[in-house]
Amino acid sequence: MNESILVIEDNYDTLESITDLLELDGYTVLQAVGGKRGADMALSHKPDLILCDIMMPGLDGYGVLALLNKYDQLSDIPFIFLTAKTARQDFRKAMEMGADDYLEKPFEPRVLLDAIKSQFSKKEKKLAYLKKALRTIETLTTLSSNGTVDLKGLIATSRIRRVRKMQILYYTGDRSSSVYLVMEGCIKTFMLAEDGREFITGIYKVNDYLGIDSLFVDNLFNETAEAIEDSVLCLLPKEAVESIVNYHPDVRQRFLKMLCGNIKGKEDQMIELAYNSVRKRLAQVLIRLGKQSNEALVKISRDELASMAGIAIETVSRILTDFKDGGLIEKRGSHIKIIELNRLEEMKN
């Protein structure tokens, strides 16, 4: 093992303790006391991984990460925050900025070593994800377009982030700093009614983009985004995407089409909620999910179906049983196989 790890910490005792632990496990350790020194060493040495405290005088951990994010040659270095800050907004800020992990002090030595090993394992897989993302971006416009070339370059230097099932990407009212490209898994967006009920406004799967509206409409997210299952995302810096969109009309047109499609989907949902029966609403949800995934097999829970159709979970169960008995669908755990798509589409209100 010869990976190098840069440890940025203003507390010398903590710095020495972490160094001893890492060297004992076979890593080459670079030490930096304070954020400014850490940023300089990251630029000059380009370590394989960075561990960084958040609360430091002068340049804090957030400032270090923001500074390093400006350099393409450092964008693929795994970055782990080590901090005593445990508030939810601190974790959200760290993840939104592109940190790869966030460990709360005090932590067990094994927890730190496992987190480091996990990041090196993910780094090996990043090339495969990038190849997938580069193929995806070609669907935006023609292969000969300069816009495609610029987007490929942006994706190749953007951070890849894994999110766990039920992990929040952003909350309603958060300021947008990234456009998210789903590379693996599934993400939902939702709003909460005054009584606390959840209403799902969108389901995003592989090759879908979240946060497009922030490019054209507002800097704040108007929905909350949560991972339905373990997922992999590519975080495209919003300012960089805006620059490409503004400079390349063909890319701008394609993103606008995506945005219009998202808006139309939400309008259709509102109309269905207002005028359709519960059976018709659930049928329409299944139809949309089936068409979105381009396959007859849909993976979704009863809770999520209820949130999308605006009906009670018990009602969802009853209607799904009716659909199954009528030969319209088959149920396999959380998977629903659509057997008679035409009959679902032709269902009377």
Protein backbone atom coordinates (compact mmCIF):
# COMPACT_ATOMS: atom_id res chain seq x y z
CA MET A 1 0.00 0.00 0.00
CA ASN A 2 1.54 3.33 -0.99
CA GLU A 3 -1.43 5.71 -1.14
CA SER A 4 -0.74 9.17 0.22
CA ILE A 5 -3.19 10.92 2.55
CA LEU A 6 -3.10 14.63 3.38
CA VAL A 7 -4.39 15.40 6.90
CA ILE A 8 -5.42 19.03 7.45
CA GLU A 9 -5.96 19.80 11.14
CA ASP A 10 -5.22 22.77 13.40
CA ASN A 11 -4.97 20.68 16.59
CA TYR A 12 -1.46 19.24 16.68
CA ASP A 13 -2.33 16.38 19.09
CA THR A 14 -5.20 15.26 16.86
CA LEU A 15 -2.96 15.56 13.80
CA GLU A 16 -0.31 13.35 15.35
CA SER A 17 -2.86 10.79 16.54
CA ILE A 18 -4.40 10.44 13.07
CA THR A 19 -0.94 10.30 11.46
CA ASP A 20 0.19 7.46 13.75
CA LEU A 21 -3.00 5.51 12.96
CA LEU A 22 -2.67 5.91 9.20
CA GLU A 23 1.06 5.14 9.07
CA LEU A 24 0.48 2.03 11.15
CA ASP A 25 -2.03 0.94 8.49
CA GLY A 26 0.53 1.46 5.71
CA TYR A 27 -0.37 4.88 4.31
CA THR A 28 2.03 7.70 3.48
CA VAL A 29 0.85 10.72 5.48
CA LEU A 30 1.28 14.41 4.67
CA GLN A 31 0.60 16.81 7.55
CA ALA A 32 -0.77 20.33 7.31
CA VAL A 33 -1.50 22.56 10.31
CA GLY A 34 -4.35 24.85 9.27
CA GLY A 35 -6.43 25.30 6.14
CA LYS A 36 -4.13 27.61 4.19
CA ARG A 37 -1.16 25.27 4.57
CA GLY A 38 -3.40 22.32 3.70
CA ALA A 39 -4.64 23.89 0.47
CA ASP A 40 -1.07 24.71 -0.58
CA MET A 41 0.09 21.16 0.09
CA ALA A 42 -2.86 19.68 -1.82
CA LEU A 43 -1.86 21.76 -4.85
CA SER A 44 1.83 20.91 -4.64
CA HIS A 45 1.59 17.19 -3.75
CA LYS A 46 -1.79 16.08 -5.14
CA PRO A 47 -2.41 13.36 -2.52
CA ASP A 48 -4.59 10.32 -3.12
CA LEU A 49 -7.07 11.37 -0.38
CA ILE A 50 -7.65 14.37 1.90
CA LEU A 51 -8.85 14.36 5.52
CA CYS A 52 -9.82 17.85 6.66
CA ASP A 53 -11.12 19.41 9.86
CA ILE A 54 -13.90 22.00 9.43
CA MET A 55 -13.45 24.40 12.34
CA MET A 56 -10.04 26.02 11.81
CA PRO A 57 -8.94 29.65 12.18
CA GLY A 58 -8.41 31.59 8.98
CA LEU A 59 -9.32 29.26 6.12
CA ASP A 60 -11.77 26.70 7.50
CA GLY A 61 -12.55 23.28 6.00
CA TYR A 62 -15.36 24.59 3.81
CA GLY A 63 -12.98 27.19 2.42
CA VAL A 64 -10.35 24.54 1.70
CA LEU A 65 -12.84 22.41 -0.26
CA ALA A 66 -14.20 25.43 -2.15
CA LEU A 67 -10.67 26.42 -3.11
CA LEU A 68 -9.66 22.93 -4.25
CA ASN A 69 -12.86 22.57 -6.29
CA LYS A 70 -11.56 25.32 -8.58
CA TYR A 71 -8.71 23.11 -9.78
CA ASP A 72 -9.56 20.36 -12.28
CA GLN A 73 -6.46 18.34 -11.34
CA LEU A 74 -7.74 18.03 -7.75
CA SER A 75 -11.41 17.33 -8.45
CA ASP A 76 -11.03 13.54 -8.39
CA ILE A 77 -9.32 13.41 -4.97
CA PRO A 78 -11.65 11.90 -2.32
CA PHE A 79 -12.32 14.51 0.40
CA ILE A 80 -13.47 13.54 3.91
CA PHE A 81 -14.47 16.07 6.56
CA LEU A 82 -13.54 15.32 10.20
CA THR A 83 -15.53 17.55 12.54
CA ALA A 84 -17.30 18.02 15.84
CA LYS A 85 -20.07 19.95 14.04
CA THR A 86 -23.11 17.65 14.09
CA ALA A 87 -25.97 19.90 12.97
CA ARG A 88 -28.00 18.74 9.98
CA GLN A 89 -27.24 21.92 8.03
CA ASP A 90 -23.49 21.33 8.42
CA PHE A 91 -23.77 17.85 6.90
CA ARG A 92 -25.96 19.18 4.06
CA LYS A 93 -23.49 21.98 3.32
CA ALA A 94 -20.58 19.56 3.22
CA MET A 95 -22.34 17.15 0.87
CA GLU A 96 -23.65 19.93 -1.38
CA MET A 97 -20.11 21.28 -1.74
CA GLY A 98 -18.96 17.87 -2.95
CA ALA A 99 -17.41 16.24 0.12
CA ASP A 100 -17.22 12.47 -0.22
CA ASP A 101 -17.78 11.66 3.45
CA TYR A 102 -18.35 13.34 6.81
CA LEU A 103 -17.12 11.81 10.08
CA GLU A 104 -18.16 13.23 13.44
CA LYS A 105 -15.56 13.56 16.19
CA PRO A 106 -14.80 11.61 18.26
CA PHE A 107 -14.71 8.56 16.00
CA GLU A 108 -13.33 5.08 16.45
CA PRO A 109 -10.08 4.35 14.58
CA ARG A 110 -11.74 1.50 12.66
CA VAL A 111 -14.49 3.86 11.47
CA LEU A 112 -11.90 6.20 9.96
CA LEU A 113 -9.91 3.38 8.33
CA ASP A 114 -13.08 1.84 6.88
CA ALA A 115 -14.15 5.22 5.48
CA ILE A 116 -10.77 5.65 3.80
CA LYS A 117 -10.81 2.15 2.30
CA SER A 118 -14.33 2.77 1.06
CA GLN A 119 -13.26 5.95 -0.73
CA PHE A 120 -10.32 4.26 -2.45
CA SER A 121 -12.66 1.48 -3.59
CA LYS A 122 -15.12 4.03 -4.97
CA LYS A 123 -12.30 5.85 -6.74
CA GLU A 124 -11.49 2.69 -8.67
CA LYS A 125 -15.11 2.47 -9.81
CA LYS A 126 -15.30 6.13 -10.83
CA LEU A 127 -13.88 5.50 -14.30
CA ALA A 128 -16.74 3.12 -15.09
CA TYR A 129 -19.28 5.69 -13.89
CA LEU A 130 -17.61 8.43 -15.92
CA LYS A 131 -17.77 6.32 -19.07
CA LYS A 132 -21.48 5.82 -18.42
CA ALA A 133 -21.98 9.55 -17.87
CA LEU A 134 -20.10 10.44 -21.05
CA ARG A 135 -22.34 8.12 -23.04
CA THR A 136 -25.33 9.70 -21.37
CA ILE A 137 -24.33 13.24 -22.25
CA GLU A 138 -24.28 12.35 -25.93
CA THR A 139 -28.08 12.10 -25.80
CA LEU A 140 -28.24 15.84 -25.16
CA THR A 141 -27.19 16.90 -28.63
CA THR A 142 -25.29 15.77 -31.72
CA LEU A 143 -21.91 14.09 -31.35
CA SER A 144 -20.21 16.80 -33.41
CA SER A 145 -21.49 19.63 -31.24
CA ASN A 146 -18.99 21.75 -29.34
CA GLY A 147 -21.57 21.81 -26.55
CA THR A 148 -21.26 18.05 -26.18
CA VAL A 149 -17.48 18.34 -26.01
CA ASP A 150 -17.71 20.94 -23.25
CA LEU A 151 -20.26 18.90 -21.31
CA LYS A 152 -18.08 15.81 -21.56
CA GLY A 153 -15.17 17.79 -20.21
CA LEU A 154 -17.30 19.07 -17.33
CA ILE A 155 -18.52 15.60 -16.39
CA ALA A 156 -14.99 14.18 -16.57
CA THR A 157 -13.86 16.69 -13.93
CA SER A 158 -16.99 16.68 -11.74
CA ARG A 159 -17.42 14.80 -8.50
CA ILE A 160 -19.15 11.43 -8.32
CA ARG A 161 -21.25 11.03 -5.18
CA ARG A 162 -22.87 7.94 -3.71
CA VAL A 163 -26.02 8.44 -1.64
CA ARG A 164 -27.70 5.87 0.56
CA LYS A 165 -31.36 4.93 0.48
CA MET A 166 -33.49 7.61 2.23
CA GLN A 167 -30.60 10.10 2.23
CA ILE A 168 -31.64 13.69 1.47
CA LEU A 169 -29.85 15.46 -1.40
CA TYR A 170 -31.39 18.86 -0.69
CA TYR A 171 -34.39 20.38 1.07
CA THR A 172 -37.01 22.85 -0.11
CA GLY A 173 -35.50 26.33 0.18
CA ASP A 174 -31.87 25.20 -0.09
CA ARG A 175 -29.74 27.27 -2.43
CA SER A 176 -28.80 25.48 -5.63
CA SER A 177 -25.12 25.00 -6.45
CA SER A 178 -25.23 21.82 -8.58
CA VAL A 179 -27.15 20.08 -11.31
CA TYR A 180 -27.39 16.36 -10.55
CA LEU A 181 -27.04 13.62 -13.17
CA VAL A 182 -28.39 10.27 -11.97
CA MET A 183 -25.91 7.58 -12.96
CA GLU A 184 -27.26 4.72 -10.88
CA GLY A 185 -30.31 4.19 -8.66
CA CYS A 186 -33.43 6.33 -8.25
CA ILE A 187 -34.23 9.72 -6.68
CA LYS A 188 -37.62 11.22 -5.80
CA THR A 189 -38.61 14.85 -5.34
CA PHE A 190 -41.52 15.78 -3.10
CA MET A 191 -43.37 18.55 -1.30
CA LEU A 192 -45.08 18.43 2.08
CA ALA A 193 -48.66 19.52 2.66
CA GLU A 194 -49.55 21.60 5.73
CA ASP A 195 -50.71 18.44 7.52
CA GLY A 196 -47.34 16.79 6.87
CA ARG A 197 -48.44 14.50 4.05
CA GLU A 198 -45.86 13.89 1.35
CA PHE A 199 -46.69 14.51 -2.31
CA ILE A 200 -44.16 13.08 -4.77
CA THR A 201 -43.60 15.45 -7.70
CA GLY A 202 -41.03 13.48 -9.66
CA ILE A 203 -39.13 10.20 -10.00
CA TYR A 204 -35.64 10.44 -11.50
CA LYS A 205 -33.75 7.42 -12.80
CA VAL A 206 -30.52 6.72 -14.71
CA ASN A 207 -29.72 9.47 -17.27
CA ASP A 208 -32.17 11.93 -15.67
CA TYR A 209 -31.17 15.38 -14.40
CA LEU A 210 -32.27 17.12 -11.19
CA GLY A 211 -32.03 20.85 -10.61
CA ILE A 212 -32.50 21.97 -14.22
CA ASP A 213 -35.11 24.53 -13.15
CA SER A 214 -32.46 26.34 -11.08
CA LEU A 215 -30.63 27.13 -14.34
CA PHE A 216 -33.52 29.15 -15.72
CA VAL A 217 -36.00 29.96 -12.95
CA ASP A 218 -34.64 30.30 -9.41
CA ASN A 219 -31.56 29.73 -7.30
CA LEU A 220 -33.58 27.95 -4.61
CA PHE A 221 -34.90 24.41 -4.73
CA ASN A 222 -38.70 24.34 -4.46
CA GLU A 223 -38.79 20.60 -3.65
CA THR A 224 -36.96 18.14 -1.43
CA ALA A 225 -34.95 15.36 -3.12
CA GLU A 226 -34.39 11.97 -1.48
CA ALA A 227 -32.81 8.71 -2.65
CA ILE A 228 -35.37 5.93 -3.05
CA GLU A 229 -32.52 3.41 -3.23
CA ASP A 230 -28.74 3.48 -3.03
CA SER A 231 -27.72 5.74 -5.90
CA VAL A 232 -24.75 7.30 -7.69
CA LEU A 233 -24.86 10.92 -8.86
CA CYS A 234 -22.57 13.18 -10.84
CA LEU A 235 -22.50 16.70 -9.34
CA LEU A 236 -22.20 19.25 -12.14
CA PRO A 237 -21.33 22.71 -10.76
CA LYS A 238 -24.24 25.00 -11.58
CA GLU A 239 -22.08 27.91 -12.73
CA ALA A 240 -20.21 25.67 -15.18
CA VAL A 241 -23.47 24.24 -16.59
CA GLU A 242 -24.90 27.76 -16.93
CA SER A 243 -21.83 28.82 -18.89
CA ILE A 244 -22.22 25.92 -21.33
CA VAL A 245 -25.99 26.45 -21.64
CA ASN A 246 -25.53 30.16 -22.35
CA TYR A 247 -22.76 29.58 -24.89
CA HIS A 248 -24.28 26.65 -26.81
CA PRO A 249 -27.88 27.20 -28.06
CA ASP A 250 -28.38 23.49 -28.91
CA VAL A 251 -27.59 22.41 -25.36
CA ARG A 252 -29.76 25.19 -23.95
CA GLN A 253 -32.67 24.03 -26.14
CA ARG A 254 -32.30 20.45 -24.95
CA PHE A 255 -32.25 21.45 -21.28
CA LEU A 256 -35.29 23.67 -21.85
CA LYS A 257 -37.12 20.70 -23.36
CA MET A 258 -36.29 18.67 -20.26
CA LEU A 259 -37.56 21.47 -18.04
CA CYS A 260 -40.78 21.81 -20.03
CA GLY A 261 -41.28 18.06 -19.83
CA ASN A 262 -40.90 18.16 -16.04
CA ILE A 263 -43.37 21.03 -15.76
CA LYS A 264 -45.92 19.30 -17.99
CA GLY A 265 -45.63 16.12 -15.91
CA LYS A 266 -46.42 18.07 -12.76
CA GLU A 267 -49.34 19.82 -14.44
CA ASP A 268 -50.74 16.45 -15.50
CA GLN A 269 -50.45 15.25 -11.90
CA MET A 270 -52.41 18.25 -10.62
CA ILE A 271 -55.17 17.72 -13.19
CA GLU A 272 -55.42 14.05 -12.30
CA LEU A 273 -55.66 14.89 -8.59
CA ALA A 274 -58.44 17.37 -9.27
CA TYR A 275 -60.61 15.41 -11.71
CA ASN A 276 -59.78 11.69 -11.78
CA SER A 277 -61.10 8.89 -9.60
CA VAL A 278 -58.62 7.11 -7.30
CA ARG A 279 -58.50 4.10 -9.65
CA LYS A 280 -57.80 6.30 -12.65
CA ARG A 281 -55.13 8.28 -10.73
CA LEU A 282 -53.27 5.13 -9.70
CA ALA A 283 -53.49 3.76 -13.24
CA GLN A 284 -52.00 7.00 -14.61
CA VAL A 285 -49.12 6.84 -12.11
CA LEU A 286 -48.29 3.28 -13.17
CA ILE A 287 -48.46 4.28 -16.84
CA ARG A 288 -46.06 7.21 -16.31
CA LEU A 289 -43.61 5.09 -14.34
CA GLY A 290 -43.70 2.33 -16.93
CA LYS A 291 -43.06 4.74 -19.80
CA GLN A 292 -40.33 6.56 -17.89
CA SER A 293 -38.39 3.36 -17.27
CA ASN A 294 -39.05 2.10 -20.80
CA GLU A 295 -40.05 -1.26 -19.42
CA ALA A 296 -43.12 -3.01 -18.07
CA LEU A 297 -41.52 -3.74 -14.68
CA VAL A 298 -41.81 -0.89 -12.16
CA LYS A 299 -40.06 -0.87 -8.76
CA ILE A 300 -41.90 1.31 -6.26
CA SER A 301 -43.38 0.99 -2.78
CA ARG A 302 -47.02 1.39 -1.79
CA ASP A 303 -46.10 4.50 0.21
CA GLU A 304 -44.54 6.11 -2.86
CA LEU A 305 -47.49 5.19 -5.06
CA ALA A 306 -49.82 6.73 -2.49
CA SER A 307 -47.73 9.93 -2.41
CA MET A 308 -47.73 10.21 -6.20
CA ALA A 309 -51.45 9.51 -6.62
CA GLY A 310 -52.57 11.51 -3.57
CA ILE A 311 -54.50 8.62 -2.01
CA ALA A 312 -54.29 6.55 1.17
CA ILE A 313 -51.91 3.59 1.39
CA GLU A 314 -54.80 1.27 2.21
CA THR A 315 -56.58 2.41 -0.95
CA VAL A 316 -53.45 1.74 -2.99
CA SER A 317 -53.31 -1.82 -1.65
CA ARG A 318 -56.97 -2.44 -2.46
CA ILE A 319 -56.73 -1.03 -6.00
CA LEU A 320 -53.51 -2.92 -6.77
CA THR A 321 -55.25 -6.12 -5.69
CA ASP A 322 -58.15 -5.27 -8.02
CA PHE A 323 -55.73 -4.60 -10.88
CA LYS A 324 -53.97 -7.88 -10.19
CA ASP A 325 -57.22 -9.85 -10.06
CA GLY A 326 -58.27 -8.19 -13.31
CA GLY A 327 -55.09 -9.29 -15.08
CA LEU A 328 -53.78 -5.73 -15.52
CA ILE A 329 -50.64 -6.17 -13.44
CA GLU A 330 -48.53 -8.73 -11.57
CA LYS A 331 -46.99 -8.00 -8.16
CA ARG A 332 -43.58 -9.32 -7.14
CA GLY A 333 -42.70 -7.76 -3.80
CA SER A 334 -41.96 -4.08 -4.46
CA HIS A 335 -41.97 -4.73 -8.24
CA ILE A 336 -45.10 -4.26 -10.33
CA LYS A 337 -45.21 -5.75 -13.82
CA ILE A 338 -47.66 -4.05 -16.19
CA ILE A 339 -49.44 -6.74 -18.20
CA GLU A 340 -52.17 -4.75 -19.95
CA LEU A 341 -50.88 -1.24 -20.62
CA ASN A 342 -53.65 -0.47 -23.12
CA ARG A 343 -56.36 -1.41 -20.64
CA LEU A 344 -54.79 0.85 -18.01
CA GLU A 345 -54.68 3.72 -20.52
CA GLU A 346 -58.30 3.15 -21.54
CA MET A 347 -59.62 2.89 -17.99
CA LYS A 348 -62.74 4.98 -17.47
CA ASN A 349 -62.73 7.72 -14.88
